[in-house]
Amino acid sequence: DKEQQKALNRALHLARISQASLTLLLSIYDFSYEMTTML
């Protein structure tokens, strides 16, 4: 929900100085999809 990704900026900085691998995680959920009983 944010345009500015503070965590991503920080993680990329950490990855560069540490030569670390990086996984970007986006967790999503919409309850209305589960309630679409007609489908």
PDB file of all heavy atoms in Angstrom:
ATOM      1  N   ASP A   1       0.803  -1.221   0.000  1.00  0.00           N
ATOM      2  CA  ASP A   1       0.000   0.000   0.000  1.00  0.00           C
ATOM      3  C   ASP A   1       0.841   1.278   0.000  1.00  0.00           C
ATOM      4  O   ASP A   1       0.293   2.370   0.141  1.00  0.00           O
ATOM      5  CB  ASP A   1      -0.921   0.015   1.228  1.00  0.00           C
ATOM      6  CG  ASP A   1      -1.836  -1.197   1.271  1.00  0.00           C
ATOM      7  OD1 ASP A   1      -2.346  -1.569   0.198  1.00  0.00           O
ATOM      8  OD2 ASP A   1      -2.010  -1.774   2.354  1.00  0.00           O
ATOM      9  N   LYS A   2       2.153   1.141  -0.123  1.00  0.00           N
ATOM     10  CA  LYS A   2       3.024   2.312  -0.037  1.00  0.00           C
ATOM     11  C   LYS A   2       3.828   2.499  -1.313  1.00  0.00           C
ATOM     12  O   LYS A   2       4.304   1.520  -1.909  1.00  0.00           O
ATOM     13  CB  LYS A   2       3.987   2.179   1.148  1.00  0.00           C
ATOM     14  CG  LYS A   2       3.306   1.980   2.503  1.00  0.00           C
ATOM     15  CD  LYS A   2       2.574   3.243   2.938  1.00  0.00           C
ATOM     16  CE  LYS A   2       1.939   3.029   4.315  1.00  0.00           C
ATOM     17  NZ  LYS A   2       1.202   4.222   4.772  1.00  0.00           N
ATOM     18  N   GLU A   3       3.989   3.760  -1.723  1.00  0.00           N
ATOM     19  CA  GLU A   3       4.846   4.043  -2.865  1.00  0.00           C
ATOM     20  C   GLU A   3       6.307   3.927  -2.473  1.00  0.00           C
ATOM     21  O   GLU A   3       7.131   3.418  -3.231  1.00  0.00           O
ATOM     22  CB  GLU A   3       4.544   5.445  -3.407  1.00  0.00           C
ATOM     23  CG  GLU A   3       3.183   5.570  -4.069  1.00  0.00           C
ATOM     24  CD  GLU A   3       2.985   6.930  -4.710  1.00  0.00           C
ATOM     25  OE1 GLU A   3       3.982   7.693  -4.788  1.00  0.00           O
ATOM     26  OE2 GLU A   3       1.856   7.232  -5.107  1.00  0.00           O
ATOM     27  N   GLN A   4       6.642   4.427  -1.281  1.00  0.00           N
ATOM     28  CA  GLN A   4       8.007   4.367  -0.800  1.00  0.00           C
ATOM     29  C   GLN A   4       8.235   3.041  -0.069  1.00  0.00           C
ATOM     30  O   GLN A   4       7.581   2.770   0.934  1.00  0.00           O
ATOM     31  CB  GLN A   4       8.298   5.538   0.147  1.00  0.00           C
ATOM     32  CG  GLN A   4       8.235   6.902  -0.517  1.00  0.00           C
ATOM     33  CD  GLN A   4       9.308   7.075  -1.564  1.00  0.00           C
ATOM     34  OE1 GLN A   4      10.439   6.605  -1.413  1.00  0.00           O
ATOM     35  NE2 GLN A   4       8.969   7.762  -2.645  1.00  0.00           N
ATOM     36  N   GLN A   5       9.146   2.240  -0.587  1.00  0.00           N
ATOM     37  CA  GLN A   5       9.446   0.937   0.006  1.00  0.00           C
ATOM     38  C   GLN A   5      10.704   1.057   0.871  1.00  0.00           C
ATOM     39  O   GLN A   5      11.815   0.744   0.446  1.00  0.00           O
ATOM     40  CB  GLN A   5       9.627  -0.104  -1.094  1.00  0.00           C
ATOM     41  CG  GLN A   5       8.381  -0.369  -1.917  1.00  0.00           C
ATOM     42  CD  GLN A   5       7.321  -1.141  -1.141  1.00  0.00           C
ATOM     43  OE1 GLN A   5       7.634  -1.912  -0.225  1.00  0.00           O
ATOM     44  NE2 GLN A   5       6.062  -0.949  -1.497  1.00  0.00           N
ATOM     45  N   LYS A   6      10.515   1.523   2.107  1.00  0.00           N
ATOM     46  CA  LYS A   6      11.656   1.739   2.998  1.00  0.00           C
ATOM     47  C   LYS A   6      12.420   0.450   3.257  1.00  0.00           C
ATOM     48  O   LYS A   6      13.655   0.438   3.291  1.00  0.00           O
ATOM     49  CB  LYS A   6      11.179   2.329   4.334  1.00  0.00           C
ATOM     50  CG  LYS A   6      10.561   3.696   4.239  1.00  0.00           C
ATOM     51  CD  LYS A   6      10.228   4.251   5.612  1.00  0.00           C
ATOM     52  CE  LYS A   6       9.165   3.436   6.316  1.00  0.00           C
ATOM     53  NZ  LYS A   6       8.773   4.003   7.630  1.00  0.00           N
ATOM     54  N   ALA A   7      11.687  -0.629   3.448  1.00  0.00           N
ATOM     55  CA  ALA A   7      12.336  -1.908   3.757  1.00  0.00           C
ATOM     56  C   ALA A   7      13.167  -2.393   2.570  1.00  0.00           C
ATOM     57  O   ALA A   7      14.274  -2.916   2.746  1.00  0.00           O
ATOM     58  CB  ALA A   7      11.290  -2.955   4.135  1.00  0.00           C
ATOM     59  N   LEU A   8      12.654  -2.215   1.365  1.00  0.00           N
ATOM     60  CA  LEU A   8      13.395  -2.639   0.179  1.00  0.00           C
ATOM     61  C   LEU A   8      14.671  -1.820   0.013  1.00  0.00           C
ATOM     62  O   LEU A   8      15.732  -2.366  -0.307  1.00  0.00           O
ATOM     63  CB  LEU A   8      12.510  -2.506  -1.062  1.00  0.00           C
ATOM     64  CG  LEU A   8      13.149  -2.879  -2.399  1.00  0.00           C
ATOM     65  CD1 LEU A   8      13.686  -4.308  -2.363  1.00  0.00           C
ATOM     66  CD2 LEU A   8      12.154  -2.707  -3.537  1.00  0.00           C
ATOM     67  N   ASN A   9      14.565  -0.519   0.223  1.00  0.00           N
ATOM     68  CA  ASN A   9      15.768   0.324   0.143  1.00  0.00           C
ATOM     69  C   ASN A   9      16.837  -0.155   1.112  1.00  0.00           C
ATOM     70  O   ASN A   9      18.014  -0.266   0.759  1.00  0.00           O
ATOM     71  CB  ASN A   9      15.412   1.780   0.445  1.00  0.00           C
ATOM     72  CG  ASN A   9      14.533   2.407  -0.623  1.00  0.00           C
ATOM     73  OD1 ASN A   9      14.611   2.014  -1.787  1.00  0.00           O
ATOM     74  ND2 ASN A   9      13.699   3.358  -0.244  1.00  0.00           N
ATOM     75  N   ARG A  10      16.429  -0.449   2.332  1.00  0.00           N
ATOM     76  CA  ARG A  10      17.385  -0.877   3.356  1.00  0.00           C
ATOM     77  C   ARG A  10      17.950  -2.259   3.023  1.00  0.00           C
ATOM     78  O   ARG A  10      19.156  -2.498   3.182  1.00  0.00           O
ATOM     79  CB  ARG A  10      16.706  -0.910   4.723  1.00  0.00           C
ATOM     80  CG  ARG A  10      17.664  -0.971   5.886  1.00  0.00           C
ATOM     81  CD  ARG A  10      18.396   0.356   6.110  1.00  0.00           C
ATOM     82  NE  ARG A  10      17.651   1.251   6.958  1.00  0.00           N
ATOM     83  CZ  ARG A  10      17.533   2.562   6.740  1.00  0.00           C
ATOM     84  NH1 ARG A  10      18.092   3.110   5.682  1.00  0.00           N
ATOM     85  NH2 ARG A  10      16.853   3.336   7.564  1.00  0.00           N
ATOM     86  N   ALA A  11      17.084  -3.151   2.564  1.00  0.00           N
ATOM     87  CA  ALA A  11      17.522  -4.512   2.259  1.00  0.00           C
ATOM     88  C   ALA A  11      18.506  -4.528   1.088  1.00  0.00           C
ATOM     89  O   ALA A  11      19.472  -5.292   1.092  1.00  0.00           O
ATOM     90  CB  ALA A  11      16.311  -5.390   1.948  1.00  0.00           C
ATOM     91  N   LEU A  12      18.260  -3.705   0.085  1.00  0.00           N
ATOM     92  CA  LEU A  12      19.182  -3.637  -1.046  1.00  0.00           C
ATOM     93  C   LEU A  12      20.548  -3.126  -0.601  1.00  0.00           C
ATOM     94  O   LEU A  12      21.593  -3.617  -1.054  1.00  0.00           O
ATOM     95  CB  LEU A  12      18.608  -2.726  -2.139  1.00  0.00           C
ATOM     96  CG  LEU A  12      17.437  -3.300  -2.942  1.00  0.00           C
ATOM     97  CD1 LEU A  12      16.803  -2.219  -3.809  1.00  0.00           C
ATOM     98  CD2 LEU A  12      17.888  -4.479  -3.797  1.00  0.00           C
ATOM     99  N   HIS A  13      20.539  -2.158   0.299  1.00  0.00           N
ATOM    100  CA  HIS A  13      21.804  -1.647   0.841  1.00  0.00           C
ATOM    101  C   HIS A  13      22.551  -2.742   1.600  1.00  0.00           C
ATOM    102  O   HIS A  13      23.758  -2.937   1.414  1.00  0.00           O
ATOM    103  CB  HIS A  13      21.519  -0.448   1.753  1.00  0.00           C
ATOM    104  CG  HIS A  13      22.741   0.158   2.369  1.00  0.00           C
ATOM    105  ND1 HIS A  13      23.817   0.591   1.623  1.00  0.00           N
ATOM    106  CD2 HIS A  13      23.067   0.406   3.666  1.00  0.00           C
ATOM    107  CE1 HIS A  13      24.746   1.079   2.427  1.00  0.00           C
ATOM    108  NE2 HIS A  13      24.317   0.970   3.666  1.00  0.00           N
ATOM    109  N   LEU A  14      21.812  -3.475   2.425  1.00  0.00           N
ATOM    110  CA  LEU A  14      22.412  -4.584   3.167  1.00  0.00           C
ATOM    111  C   LEU A  14      22.961  -5.651   2.229  1.00  0.00           C
ATOM    112  O   LEU A  14      24.044  -6.203   2.449  1.00  0.00           O
ATOM    113  CB  LEU A  14      21.372  -5.217   4.096  1.00  0.00           C
ATOM    114  CG  LEU A  14      21.291  -4.756   5.548  1.00  0.00           C
ATOM    115  CD1 LEU A  14      20.200  -5.524   6.267  1.00  0.00           C
ATOM    116  CD2 LEU A  14      22.621  -4.911   6.253  1.00  0.00           C
ATOM    117  N   ALA A  15      22.193  -5.961   1.200  1.00  0.00           N
ATOM    118  CA  ALA A  15      22.614  -6.995   0.253  1.00  0.00           C
ATOM    119  C   ALA A  15      23.905  -6.608  -0.449  1.00  0.00           C
ATOM    120  O   ALA A  15      24.784  -7.451  -0.679  1.00  0.00           O
ATOM    121  CB  ALA A  15      21.502  -7.249  -0.775  1.00  0.00           C
ATOM    122  N   ARG A  16      24.036  -5.328  -0.800  1.00  0.00           N
ATOM    123  CA  ARG A  16      25.240  -4.881  -1.508  1.00  0.00           C
ATOM    124  C   ARG A  16      26.474  -4.941  -0.623  1.00  0.00           C
ATOM    125  O   ARG A  16      27.533  -5.411  -1.041  1.00  0.00           O
ATOM    126  CB  ARG A  16      25.033  -3.456  -2.024  1.00  0.00           C
ATOM    127  CG  ARG A  16      24.069  -3.371  -3.198  1.00  0.00           C
ATOM    128  CD  ARG A  16      24.136  -2.009  -3.869  1.00  0.00           C
ATOM    129  NE  ARG A  16      23.143  -1.946  -4.948  1.00  0.00           N
ATOM    130  CZ  ARG A  16      21.933  -1.434  -4.804  1.00  0.00           C
ATOM    131  NH1 ARG A  16      21.550  -0.963  -3.623  1.00  0.00           N
ATOM    132  NH2 ARG A  16      21.089  -1.410  -5.812  1.00  0.00           N
ATOM    133  N   ILE A  17      26.354  -4.460   0.609  1.00  0.00           N
ATOM    134  CA  ILE A  17      27.547  -4.414   1.460  1.00  0.00           C
ATOM    135  C   ILE A  17      27.908  -5.786   2.016  1.00  0.00           C
ATOM    136  O   ILE A  17      29.035  -5.993   2.459  1.00  0.00           O
ATOM    137  CB  ILE A  17      27.364  -3.407   2.624  1.00  0.00           C
ATOM    138  CG1 ILE A  17      26.227  -3.830   3.559  1.00  0.00           C
ATOM    139  CG2 ILE A  17      27.142  -2.004   2.098  1.00  0.00           C
ATOM    140  CD1 ILE A  17      26.024  -2.903   4.742  1.00  0.00           C
ATOM    141  N   SER A  18      26.952  -6.719   1.987  1.00  0.00           N
ATOM    142  CA  SER A  18      27.209  -8.054   2.532  1.00  0.00           C
ATOM    143  C   SER A  18      27.314  -9.132   1.467  1.00  0.00           C
ATOM    144  O   SER A  18      27.562 -10.294   1.793  1.00  0.00           O
ATOM    145  CB  SER A  18      26.099  -8.443   3.521  1.00  0.00           C
ATOM    146  OG  SER A  18      26.075  -7.600   4.634  1.00  0.00           O
ATOM    147  N   GLN A  19      27.094  -8.744   0.195  1.00  0.00           N
ATOM    148  CA  GLN A  19      27.055  -9.743  -0.877  1.00  0.00           C
ATOM    149  C   GLN A  19      26.052 -10.846  -0.544  1.00  0.00           C
ATOM    150  O   GLN A  19      26.318 -12.041  -0.714  1.00  0.00           O
ATOM    151  CB  GLN A  19      28.452 -10.340  -1.103  1.00  0.00           C
ATOM    152  CG  GLN A  19      29.499  -9.330  -1.532  1.00  0.00           C
ATOM    153  CD  GLN A  19      29.155  -8.669  -2.864  1.00  0.00           C
ATOM    154  OE1 GLN A  19      28.952  -9.348  -3.863  1.00  0.00           O
ATOM    155  NE2 GLN A  19      29.066  -7.344  -2.871  1.00  0.00           N
ATOM    156  N   ALA A  20      24.892 -10.431  -0.053  1.00  0.00           N
ATOM    157  CA  ALA A  20      23.871 -11.381   0.403  1.00  0.00           C
ATOM    158  C   ALA A  20      22.818 -11.588  -0.679  1.00  0.00           C
ATOM    159  O   ALA A  20      22.579 -10.722  -1.524  1.00  0.00           O
ATOM    160  CB  ALA A  20      23.210 -10.868   1.679  1.00  0.00           C
ATOM    161  N   SER A  21      22.164 -12.747  -0.631  1.00  0.00           N
ATOM    162  CA  SER A  21      21.022 -12.999  -1.506  1.00  0.00           C
ATOM    163  C   SER A  21      19.786 -12.348  -0.895  1.00  0.00           C
ATOM    164  O   SER A  21      19.717 -12.097   0.314  1.00  0.00           O
ATOM    165  CB  SER A  21      20.803 -14.500  -1.683  1.00  0.00           C
ATOM    166  OG  SER A  21      20.596 -15.125  -0.435  1.00  0.00           O
ATOM    167  N   LEU A  22      18.800 -12.094  -1.742  1.00  0.00           N
ATOM    168  CA  LEU A  22      17.650 -11.301  -1.316  1.00  0.00           C
ATOM    169  C   LEU A  22      16.366 -11.911  -1.863  1.00  0.00           C
ATOM    170  O   LEU A  22      16.271 -12.226  -3.050  1.00  0.00           O
ATOM    171  CB  LEU A  22      17.813  -9.867  -1.839  1.00  0.00           C
ATOM    172  CG  LEU A  22      16.785  -8.823  -1.450  1.00  0.00           C
ATOM    173  CD1 LEU A  22      16.828  -8.569   0.037  1.00  0.00           C
ATOM    174  CD2 LEU A  22      17.075  -7.516  -2.199  1.00  0.00           C
ATOM    175  N   THR A  23      15.391 -12.112  -0.967  1.00  0.00           N
ATOM    176  CA  THR A  23      14.067 -12.571  -1.379  1.00  0.00           C
ATOM    177  C   THR A  23      13.057 -11.490  -1.061  1.00  0.00           C
ATOM    178  O   THR A  23      12.990 -11.000   0.063  1.00  0.00           O
ATOM    179  CB  THR A  23      13.673 -13.867  -0.649  1.00  0.00           C
ATOM    180  OG1 THR A  23      14.610 -14.895  -0.956  1.00  0.00           O
ATOM    181  CG2 THR A  23      12.287 -14.324  -1.063  1.00  0.00           C
ATOM    182  N   LEU A  24      12.265 -11.106  -2.078  1.00  0.00           N
ATOM    183  CA  LEU A  24      11.207 -10.125  -1.897  1.00  0.00           C
ATOM    184  C   LEU A  24       9.904 -10.873  -1.668  1.00  0.00           C
ATOM    185  O   LEU A  24       9.491 -11.690  -2.496  1.00  0.00           O
ATOM    186  CB  LEU A  24      11.086  -9.234  -3.137  1.00  0.00           C
ATOM    187  CG  LEU A  24      12.039  -8.052  -3.272  1.00  0.00           C
ATOM    188  CD1 LEU A  24      13.483  -8.480  -3.216  1.00  0.00           C
ATOM    189  CD2 LEU A  24      11.761  -7.293  -4.570  1.00  0.00           C
ATOM    190  N   LEU A  25       9.258 -10.575  -0.546  1.00  0.00           N
ATOM    191  CA  LEU A  25       8.020 -11.271  -0.187  1.00  0.00           C
ATOM    192  C   LEU A  25       6.854 -10.302  -0.166  1.00  0.00           C
ATOM    193  O   LEU A  25       6.905  -9.249   0.467  1.00  0.00           O
ATOM    194  CB  LEU A  25       8.159 -11.925   1.184  1.00  0.00           C
ATOM    195  CG  LEU A  25       6.874 -12.545   1.760  1.00  0.00           C
ATOM    196  CD1 LEU A  25       6.386 -13.697   0.887  1.00  0.00           C
ATOM    197  CD2 LEU A  25       7.071 -13.004   3.191  1.00  0.00           C
ATOM    198  N   LEU A  26       5.790 -10.689  -0.858  1.00  0.00           N
ATOM    199  CA  LEU A  26       4.535  -9.953  -0.799  1.00  0.00           C
ATOM    200  C   LEU A  26       3.450 -10.940  -0.390  1.00  0.00           C
ATOM    201  O   LEU A  26       3.168 -11.905  -1.096  1.00  0.00           O
ATOM    202  CB  LEU A  26       4.202  -9.332  -2.159  1.00  0.00           C
ATOM    203  CG  LEU A  26       2.943  -8.466  -2.206  1.00  0.00           C
ATOM    204  CD1 LEU A  26       3.078  -7.247  -1.306  1.00  0.00           C
ATOM    205  CD2 LEU A  26       2.631  -8.044  -3.640  1.00  0.00           C
ATOM    206  N   SER A  27       2.860 -10.701   0.779  1.00  0.00           N
ATOM    207  CA  SER A  27       1.782 -11.555   1.274  1.00  0.00           C
ATOM    208  C   SER A  27       0.458 -10.856   1.017  1.00  0.00           C
ATOM    209  O   SER A  27       0.252  -9.718   1.453  1.00  0.00           O
ATOM    210  CB  SER A  27       1.968 -11.822   2.768  1.00  0.00           C
ATOM    211  OG  SER A  27       0.884 -12.569   3.283  1.00  0.00           O
ATOM    212  N   ILE A  28      -0.459 -11.524   0.307  1.00  0.00           N
ATOM    213  CA  ILE A  28      -1.731 -10.908  -0.047  1.00  0.00           C
ATOM    214  C   ILE A  28      -2.875 -11.821   0.370  1.00  0.00           C
ATOM    215  O   ILE A  28      -2.720 -13.036   0.497  1.00  0.00           O
ATOM    216  CB  ILE A  28      -1.824 -10.616  -1.560  1.00  0.00           C
ATOM    217  CG1 ILE A  28      -1.700 -11.918  -2.372  1.00  0.00           C
ATOM    218  CG2 ILE A  28      -0.763  -9.609  -1.973  1.00  0.00           C
ATOM    219  CD1 ILE A  28      -1.936 -11.728  -3.855  1.00  0.00           C
ATOM    220  N   TYR A  29      -4.043 -11.187   0.564  1.00  0.00           N
ATOM    221  CA  TYR A  29      -5.240 -11.973   0.905  1.00  0.00           C
ATOM    222  C   TYR A  29      -6.452 -11.075   0.727  1.00  0.00           C
ATOM    223  O   TYR A  29      -6.433  -9.890   1.086  1.00  0.00           O
ATOM    224  CB  TYR A  29      -5.179 -12.470   2.346  1.00  0.00           C
ATOM    225  CG  TYR A  29      -6.347 -13.363   2.728  1.00  0.00           C
ATOM    226  CD1 TYR A  29      -6.395 -14.684   2.292  1.00  0.00           C
ATOM    227  CD2 TYR A  29      -7.397 -12.876   3.493  1.00  0.00           C
ATOM    228  CE1 TYR A  29      -7.464 -15.506   2.627  1.00  0.00           C
ATOM    229  CE2 TYR A  29      -8.461 -13.694   3.836  1.00  0.00           C
ATOM    230  CZ  TYR A  29      -8.490 -15.003   3.398  1.00  0.00           C
ATOM    231  OH  TYR A  29      -9.552 -15.813   3.725  1.00  0.00           O
ATOM    232  N   ASP A  30      -7.496 -11.609   0.170  1.00  0.00           N
ATOM    233  CA  ASP A  30      -8.756 -10.892   0.009  1.00  0.00           C
ATOM    234  C   ASP A  30      -9.874 -11.847   0.402  1.00  0.00           C
ATOM    235  O   ASP A  30     -10.150 -12.815  -0.301  1.00  0.00           O
ATOM    236  CB  ASP A  30      -8.923 -10.414  -1.436  1.00  0.00           C
ATOM    237  CG  ASP A  30     -10.120  -9.476  -1.583  1.00  0.00           C
ATOM    238  OD1 ASP A  30     -11.066  -9.568  -0.779  1.00  0.00           O
ATOM    239  OD2 ASP A  30     -10.093  -8.645  -2.520  1.00  0.00           O
ATOM    240  N   PHE A  31     -10.517 -11.553   1.520  1.00  0.00           N
ATOM    241  CA  PHE A  31     -11.540 -12.453   2.056  1.00  0.00           C
ATOM    242  C   PHE A  31     -12.715 -12.604   1.095  1.00  0.00           C
ATOM    243  O   PHE A  31     -13.385 -13.641   1.074  1.00  0.00           O
ATOM    244  CB  PHE A  31     -12.031 -11.921   3.403  1.00  0.00           C
ATOM    245  CG  PHE A  31     -12.980 -12.846   4.107  1.00  0.00           C
ATOM    246  CD1 PHE A  31     -12.552 -14.090   4.563  1.00  0.00           C
ATOM    247  CD2 PHE A  31     -14.298 -12.487   4.319  1.00  0.00           C
ATOM    248  CE1 PHE A  31     -13.425 -14.950   5.213  1.00  0.00           C
ATOM    249  CE2 PHE A  31     -15.179 -13.343   4.965  1.00  0.00           C
ATOM    250  CZ  PHE A  31     -14.733 -14.574   5.411  1.00  0.00           C
ATOM    251  N   SER A  32     -12.956 -11.576   0.287  1.00  0.00           N
ATOM    252  CA  SER A  32     -14.096 -11.639  -0.635  1.00  0.00           C
ATOM    253  C   SER A  32     -13.931 -12.764  -1.654  1.00  0.00           C
ATOM    254  O   SER A  32     -14.919 -13.320  -2.132  1.00  0.00           O
ATOM    255  CB  SER A  32     -14.266 -10.302  -1.359  1.00  0.00           C
ATOM    256  OG  SER A  32     -13.136 -10.003  -2.153  1.00  0.00           O
ATOM    257  N   TYR A  33     -12.669 -13.107  -1.974  1.00  0.00           N
ATOM    258  CA  TYR A  33     -12.441 -14.204  -2.908  1.00  0.00           C
ATOM    259  C   TYR A  33     -12.887 -15.537  -2.297  1.00  0.00           C
ATOM    260  O   TYR A  33     -13.373 -16.419  -2.991  1.00  0.00           O
ATOM    261  CB  TYR A  33     -10.958 -14.287  -3.284  1.00  0.00           C
ATOM    262  CG  TYR A  33     -10.555 -13.275  -4.332  1.00  0.00           C
ATOM    263  CD1 TYR A  33     -10.439 -11.934  -4.019  1.00  0.00           C
ATOM    264  CD2 TYR A  33     -10.287 -13.662  -5.638  1.00  0.00           C
ATOM    265  CE1 TYR A  33     -10.072 -10.994  -4.971  1.00  0.00           C
ATOM    266  CE2 TYR A  33      -9.924 -12.740  -6.614  1.00  0.00           C
ATOM    267  CZ  TYR A  33      -9.818 -11.398  -6.266  1.00  0.00           C
ATOM    268  OH  TYR A  33      -9.463 -10.473  -7.214  1.00  0.00           O
ATOM    269  N   GLU A  34     -12.682 -15.674  -0.987  1.00  0.00           N
ATOM    270  CA  GLU A  34     -13.075 -16.914  -0.328  1.00  0.00           C
ATOM    271  C   GLU A  34     -14.595 -17.021  -0.182  1.00  0.00           C
ATOM    272  O   GLU A  34     -15.136 -18.113  -0.026  1.00  0.00           O
ATOM    273  CB  GLU A  34     -12.416 -16.997   1.060  1.00  0.00           C
ATOM    274  CG  GLU A  34     -10.908 -16.801   1.064  1.00  0.00           C
ATOM    275  CD  GLU A  34     -10.167 -17.919   0.346  1.00  0.00           C
ATOM    276  OE1 GLU A  34     -10.800 -18.947   0.035  1.00  0.00           O
ATOM    277  OE2 GLU A  34      -8.966 -17.753   0.085  1.00  0.00           O
ATOM    278  N   MET A  35     -15.269 -15.873  -0.206  1.00  0.00           N
ATOM    279  CA  MET A  35     -16.714 -15.866   0.019  1.00  0.00           C
ATOM    280  C   MET A  35     -17.513 -15.923  -1.282  1.00  0.00           C
ATOM    281  O   MET A  35     -18.735 -15.831  -1.272  1.00  0.00           O
ATOM    282  CB  MET A  35     -17.101 -14.595   0.787  1.00  0.00           C
ATOM    283  CG  MET A  35     -16.516 -14.546   2.192  1.00  0.00           C
ATOM    284  SD  MET A  35     -17.044 -15.941   3.210  1.00  0.00           S
ATOM    285  CE  MET A  35     -18.783 -15.562   3.388  1.00  0.00           C
ATOM    286  N   THR A  36     -16.819 -16.046  -2.405  1.00  0.00           N
ATOM    287  CA  THR A  36     -17.518 -16.132  -3.686  1.00  0.00           C
ATOM    288  C   THR A  36     -18.059 -17.548  -3.860  1.00  0.00           C
ATOM    289  O   THR A  36     -17.539 -18.372  -4.613  1.00  0.00           O
ATOM    290  CB  THR A  36     -16.561 -15.771  -4.840  1.00  0.00           C
ATOM    291  OG1 THR A  36     -15.869 -14.585  -4.519  1.00  0.00           O
ATOM    292  CG2 THR A  36     -17.325 -15.563  -6.137  1.00  0.00           C
ATOM    293  N   THR A  37     -19.126 -17.832  -3.130  1.00  0.00           N
ATOM    294  CA  THR A  37     -19.655 -19.197  -3.071  1.00  0.00           C
ATOM    295  C   THR A  37     -20.311 -19.639  -4.374  1.00  0.00           C
ATOM    296  O   THR A  37     -20.523 -20.836  -4.594  1.00  0.00           O
ATOM    297  CB  THR A  37     -20.676 -19.316  -1.933  1.00  0.00           C
ATOM    298  OG1 THR A  37     -21.695 -18.313  -2.122  1.00  0.00           O
ATOM    299  CG2 THR A  37     -20.002 -19.107  -0.580  1.00  0.00           C
ATOM    300  N   MET A  38     -20.664 -18.687  -5.229  1.00  0.00           N
ATOM    301  CA  MET A  38     -21.312 -19.058  -6.489  1.00  0.00           C
ATOM    302  C   MET A  38     -20.305 -19.684  -7.460  1.00  0.00           C
ATOM    303  O   MET A  38     -20.712 -20.300  -8.446  1.00  0.00           O
ATOM    304  CB  MET A  38     -21.967 -17.829  -7.136  1.00  0.00           C
ATOM    305  CG  MET A  38     -23.135 -17.268  -6.324  1.00  0.00           C
ATOM    306  SD  MET A  38     -23.890 -15.842  -7.111  1.00  0.00           S
ATOM    307  CE  MET A  38     -24.517 -16.596  -8.626  1.00  0.00           C
ATOM    308  N   LEU A  39     -19.020 -19.513  -7.185  1.00  0.00           N
ATOM    309  CA  LEU A  39     -17.996 -20.070  -8.052  1.00  0.00           C
ATOM    310  C   LEU A  39     -17.517 -21.411  -7.515  1.00  0.00           C
ATOM    311  O   LEU A  39     -17.490 -21.630  -6.298  1.00  0.00           O
ATOM    312  CB  LEU A  39     -16.809 -19.105  -8.163  1.00  0.00           C
ATOM    313  CG  LEU A  39     -17.094 -17.736  -8.783  1.00  0.00           C
ATOM    314  CD1 LEU A  39     -15.838 -16.888  -8.764  1.00  0.00           C
ATOM    315  CD2 LEU A  39     -17.619 -17.878 -10.214  1.00  0.00           C
TER     316      LEU A  39
END
